[in-house]
Amino acid sequence: MAAAKSRKLGLEIDARLYARLDQVARRNGQSRRFLLEQALKHYLEMVVPSEGTLHPEVLRRLRRSVEKNRKLMKLLAD
């Protein structure tokens, strides 16, 4: 099996954000690179696909509202 390829990425981030990243990495015994890769993976797999869709809490509240107002909606439709 071929080794996974990697690419270099140079970036500039907020100093406070970097300090938090460094603190978490040290506390967990992980590298900053690992944490950044995990964060990017999570963003690409979980956040990007859900853009443009309803947040689960919004959907729950909508369903609750529809159920609560079902009688009123039926009266208005008739």
N, C-alpha and C. Protein backbone atom coordinates (compact mmCIF):
# COMPACT_ATOMS: atom_id res chain seq x y z
N MET A 1 0.85 -1.18 0.00
CA MET A 1 0.00 0.00 0.00
C MET A 1 0.89 1.24 0.00
N ALA A 2 0.59 2.18 -0.84
CA ALA A 2 1.37 3.40 -0.95
C ALA A 2 1.16 4.28 0.27
N ALA A 3 2.23 4.94 0.67
CA ALA A 3 2.13 5.85 1.81
C ALA A 3 1.27 7.05 1.44
N ALA A 4 0.54 7.56 2.41
CA ALA A 4 -0.30 8.73 2.17
C ALA A 4 0.59 9.93 1.86
N LYS A 5 0.18 10.70 0.90
CA LYS A 5 0.93 11.89 0.54
C LYS A 5 0.50 13.04 1.42
N SER A 6 1.40 13.95 1.64
CA SER A 6 1.06 15.15 2.40
C SER A 6 1.53 16.37 1.61
N ARG A 7 0.94 17.48 1.95
CA ARG A 7 1.27 18.74 1.29
C ARG A 7 1.58 19.77 2.37
N LYS A 8 2.53 20.63 2.10
CA LYS A 8 2.85 21.70 3.04
C LYS A 8 1.86 22.83 2.89
N LEU A 9 1.54 23.43 4.01
CA LEU A 9 0.60 24.54 4.02
C LEU A 9 1.14 25.59 4.97
N GLY A 10 1.35 26.77 4.47
CA GLY A 10 1.78 27.87 5.33
C GLY A 10 0.58 28.74 5.62
N LEU A 11 0.36 29.05 6.87
CA LEU A 11 -0.78 29.89 7.19
C LEU A 11 -0.45 30.78 8.37
N GLU A 12 -1.20 31.84 8.47
CA GLU A 12 -1.06 32.78 9.57
C GLU A 12 -2.40 32.82 10.28
N ILE A 13 -2.37 32.57 11.61
CA ILE A 13 -3.61 32.58 12.38
C ILE A 13 -3.48 33.50 13.58
N ASP A 14 -4.60 33.84 14.16
CA ASP A 14 -4.65 34.69 15.34
C ASP A 14 -3.77 34.11 16.45
N ALA A 15 -2.99 34.95 17.11
CA ALA A 15 -2.06 34.50 18.14
C ALA A 15 -2.76 33.81 19.30
N ARG A 16 -3.93 34.31 19.68
CA ARG A 16 -4.66 33.68 20.80
C ARG A 16 -5.18 32.30 20.40
N LEU A 17 -5.62 32.18 19.17
CA LEU A 17 -6.10 30.90 18.68
C LEU A 17 -4.95 29.89 18.63
N TYR A 18 -3.80 30.35 18.18
CA TYR A 18 -2.62 29.49 18.13
C TYR A 18 -2.23 29.03 19.54
N ALA A 19 -2.28 29.95 20.50
CA ALA A 19 -1.94 29.61 21.89
C ALA A 19 -2.89 28.54 22.43
N ARG A 20 -4.17 28.67 22.11
CA ARG A 20 -5.13 27.65 22.56
C ARG A 20 -4.86 26.31 21.90
N LEU A 21 -4.56 26.34 20.61
CA LEU A 21 -4.22 25.12 19.89
C LEU A 21 -3.00 24.46 20.52
N ASP A 22 -1.99 25.24 20.79
CA ASP A 22 -0.76 24.72 21.39
C ASP A 22 -1.03 24.14 22.77
N GLN A 23 -1.85 24.81 23.56
CA GLN A 23 -2.19 24.35 24.91
C GLN A 23 -2.91 23.00 24.86
N VAL A 24 -3.89 22.88 23.96
CA VAL A 24 -4.64 21.62 23.84
C VAL A 24 -3.72 20.50 23.36
N ALA A 25 -2.87 20.80 22.41
CA ALA A 25 -1.94 19.79 21.88
C ALA A 25 -1.02 19.28 22.99
N ARG A 26 -0.47 20.19 23.76
CA ARG A 26 0.42 19.77 24.86
C ARG A 26 -0.32 18.96 25.90
N ARG A 27 -1.50 19.45 26.28
CA ARG A 27 -2.30 18.77 27.31
C ARG A 27 -2.66 17.34 26.89
N ASN A 28 -2.95 17.16 25.59
CA ASN A 28 -3.38 15.85 25.10
C ASN A 28 -2.24 15.01 24.54
N GLY A 29 -1.04 15.56 24.55
CA GLY A 29 0.10 14.81 24.01
C GLY A 29 -0.02 14.60 22.50
N GLN A 30 -0.58 15.57 21.82
CA GLN A 30 -0.78 15.48 20.38
C GLN A 30 -0.03 16.63 19.71
N SER A 31 0.21 16.47 18.44
CA SER A 31 0.87 17.56 17.71
C SER A 31 -0.17 18.57 17.23
N ARG A 32 0.31 19.79 17.02
CA ARG A 32 -0.58 20.81 16.46
C ARG A 32 -1.05 20.38 15.08
N ARG A 33 -0.16 19.77 14.33
CA ARG A 33 -0.52 19.30 12.99
C ARG A 33 -1.69 18.32 13.06
N PHE A 34 -1.62 17.36 13.99
CA PHE A 34 -2.69 16.38 14.13
C PHE A 34 -4.01 17.07 14.45
N LEU A 35 -3.98 18.01 15.40
CA LEU A 35 -5.21 18.70 15.77
C LEU A 35 -5.78 19.52 14.62
N LEU A 36 -4.90 20.19 13.87
CA LEU A 36 -5.38 20.95 12.72
C LEU A 36 -5.97 20.04 11.64
N GLU A 37 -5.33 18.91 11.41
CA GLU A 37 -5.87 17.95 10.43
C GLU A 37 -7.23 17.43 10.86
N GLN A 38 -7.37 17.12 12.15
CA GLN A 38 -8.65 16.63 12.65
C GLN A 38 -9.74 17.70 12.55
N ALA A 39 -9.38 18.93 12.87
CA ALA A 39 -10.35 20.02 12.79
C ALA A 39 -10.78 20.25 11.34
N LEU A 40 -9.84 20.22 10.42
CA LEU A 40 -10.16 20.41 9.01
C LEU A 40 -11.01 19.26 8.49
N LYS A 41 -10.67 18.04 8.89
CA LYS A 41 -11.44 16.87 8.48
C LYS A 41 -12.88 16.98 8.98
N HIS A 42 -13.04 17.35 10.25
CA HIS A 42 -14.38 17.51 10.82
C HIS A 42 -15.16 18.57 10.05
N TYR A 43 -14.53 19.69 9.77
CA TYR A 43 -15.19 20.77 9.05
C TYR A 43 -15.65 20.30 7.68
N LEU A 44 -14.77 19.64 6.94
CA LEU A 44 -15.10 19.21 5.59
C LEU A 44 -16.15 18.10 5.56
N GLU A 45 -16.14 17.21 6.55
CA GLU A 45 -17.08 16.08 6.56
C GLU A 45 -18.40 16.40 7.23
N MET A 46 -18.39 17.29 8.23
CA MET A 46 -19.60 17.51 9.01
C MET A 46 -20.24 18.88 8.77
N VAL A 47 -19.46 19.89 8.63
CA VAL A 47 -20.01 21.24 8.52
C VAL A 47 -20.38 21.58 7.09
N VAL A 48 -19.46 21.39 6.17
CA VAL A 48 -19.71 21.77 4.78
C VAL A 48 -20.95 21.07 4.21
N PRO A 49 -21.10 19.74 4.39
CA PRO A 49 -22.29 19.10 3.82
C PRO A 49 -23.61 19.60 4.41
N SER A 50 -23.57 20.10 5.64
CA SER A 50 -24.81 20.52 6.28
C SER A 50 -25.17 21.97 5.99
N GLU A 51 -24.28 22.70 5.32
CA GLU A 51 -24.61 24.08 4.98
C GLU A 51 -25.81 24.08 4.05
N GLY A 52 -26.73 24.96 4.32
CA GLY A 52 -27.93 25.03 3.50
C GLY A 52 -29.04 24.11 3.97
N THR A 53 -28.79 23.34 5.00
CA THR A 53 -29.83 22.48 5.56
C THR A 53 -30.21 23.02 6.92
N LEU A 54 -31.34 22.59 7.40
CA LEU A 54 -31.80 23.06 8.71
C LEU A 54 -30.99 22.42 9.83
N HIS A 55 -30.66 23.22 10.81
CA HIS A 55 -30.01 22.73 12.01
C HIS A 55 -31.00 21.81 12.72
N PRO A 56 -30.53 20.70 13.30
CA PRO A 56 -31.44 19.74 13.95
C PRO A 56 -32.37 20.38 14.97
N GLU A 57 -31.89 21.34 15.75
CA GLU A 57 -32.74 21.98 16.75
C GLU A 57 -33.84 22.80 16.09
N VAL A 58 -33.53 23.45 14.99
CA VAL A 58 -34.54 24.21 14.25
C VAL A 58 -35.62 23.27 13.72
N LEU A 59 -35.19 22.14 13.18
CA LEU A 59 -36.13 21.16 12.66
C LEU A 59 -37.02 20.61 13.78
N ARG A 60 -36.45 20.32 14.95
CA ARG A 60 -37.25 19.83 16.09
C ARG A 60 -38.30 20.87 16.49
N ARG A 61 -37.89 22.12 16.56
CA ARG A 61 -38.84 23.17 16.95
C ARG A 61 -39.94 23.35 15.91
N LEU A 62 -39.59 23.25 14.65
CA LEU A 62 -40.58 23.35 13.58
C LEU A 62 -41.61 22.24 13.71
N ARG A 63 -41.14 21.01 13.89
CA ARG A 63 -42.07 19.88 14.03
C ARG A 63 -42.97 20.05 15.24
N ARG A 64 -42.40 20.51 16.34
CA ARG A 64 -43.18 20.73 17.56
C ARG A 64 -44.25 21.79 17.31
N SER A 65 -43.90 22.85 16.61
CA SER A 65 -44.84 23.92 16.32
C SER A 65 -45.96 23.43 15.40
N VAL A 66 -45.61 22.66 14.39
CA VAL A 66 -46.62 22.12 13.48
C VAL A 66 -47.59 21.24 14.24
N GLU A 67 -47.07 20.38 15.08
CA GLU A 67 -47.93 19.48 15.86
C GLU A 67 -48.84 20.29 16.80
N LYS A 68 -48.27 21.28 17.45
CA LYS A 68 -49.03 22.11 18.39
C LYS A 68 -50.15 22.87 17.68
N ASN A 69 -49.93 23.30 16.45
CA ASN A 69 -50.89 24.12 15.73
C ASN A 69 -51.65 23.36 14.65
N ARG A 70 -51.64 22.05 14.72
CA ARG A 70 -52.29 21.23 13.70
C ARG A 70 -53.78 21.57 13.55
N LYS A 71 -54.50 21.69 14.68
CA LYS A 71 -55.94 22.00 14.62
C LYS A 71 -56.18 23.36 13.95
N LEU A 72 -55.39 24.35 14.32
CA LEU A 72 -55.55 25.67 13.73
C LEU A 72 -55.29 25.63 12.22
N MET A 73 -54.25 24.93 11.81
CA MET A 73 -53.93 24.83 10.38
C MET A 73 -55.06 24.15 9.63
N LYS A 74 -55.67 23.14 10.24
CA LYS A 74 -56.78 22.45 9.59
C LYS A 74 -57.99 23.36 9.45
N LEU A 75 -58.30 24.15 10.50
CA LEU A 75 -59.41 25.10 10.42
C LEU A 75 -59.17 26.15 9.36
N LEU A 76 -57.95 26.64 9.25
CA LEU A 76 -57.63 27.66 8.26
C LEU A 76 -57.68 27.09 6.84
N ALA A 77 -57.38 25.83 6.70
CA ALA A 77 -57.35 25.21 5.36
C ALA A 77 -58.76 24.95 4.84
N ASP A 78 -59.72 24.80 5.73
CA ASP A 78 -61.11 24.50 5.30
C ASP A 78 -61.85 25.69 4.84
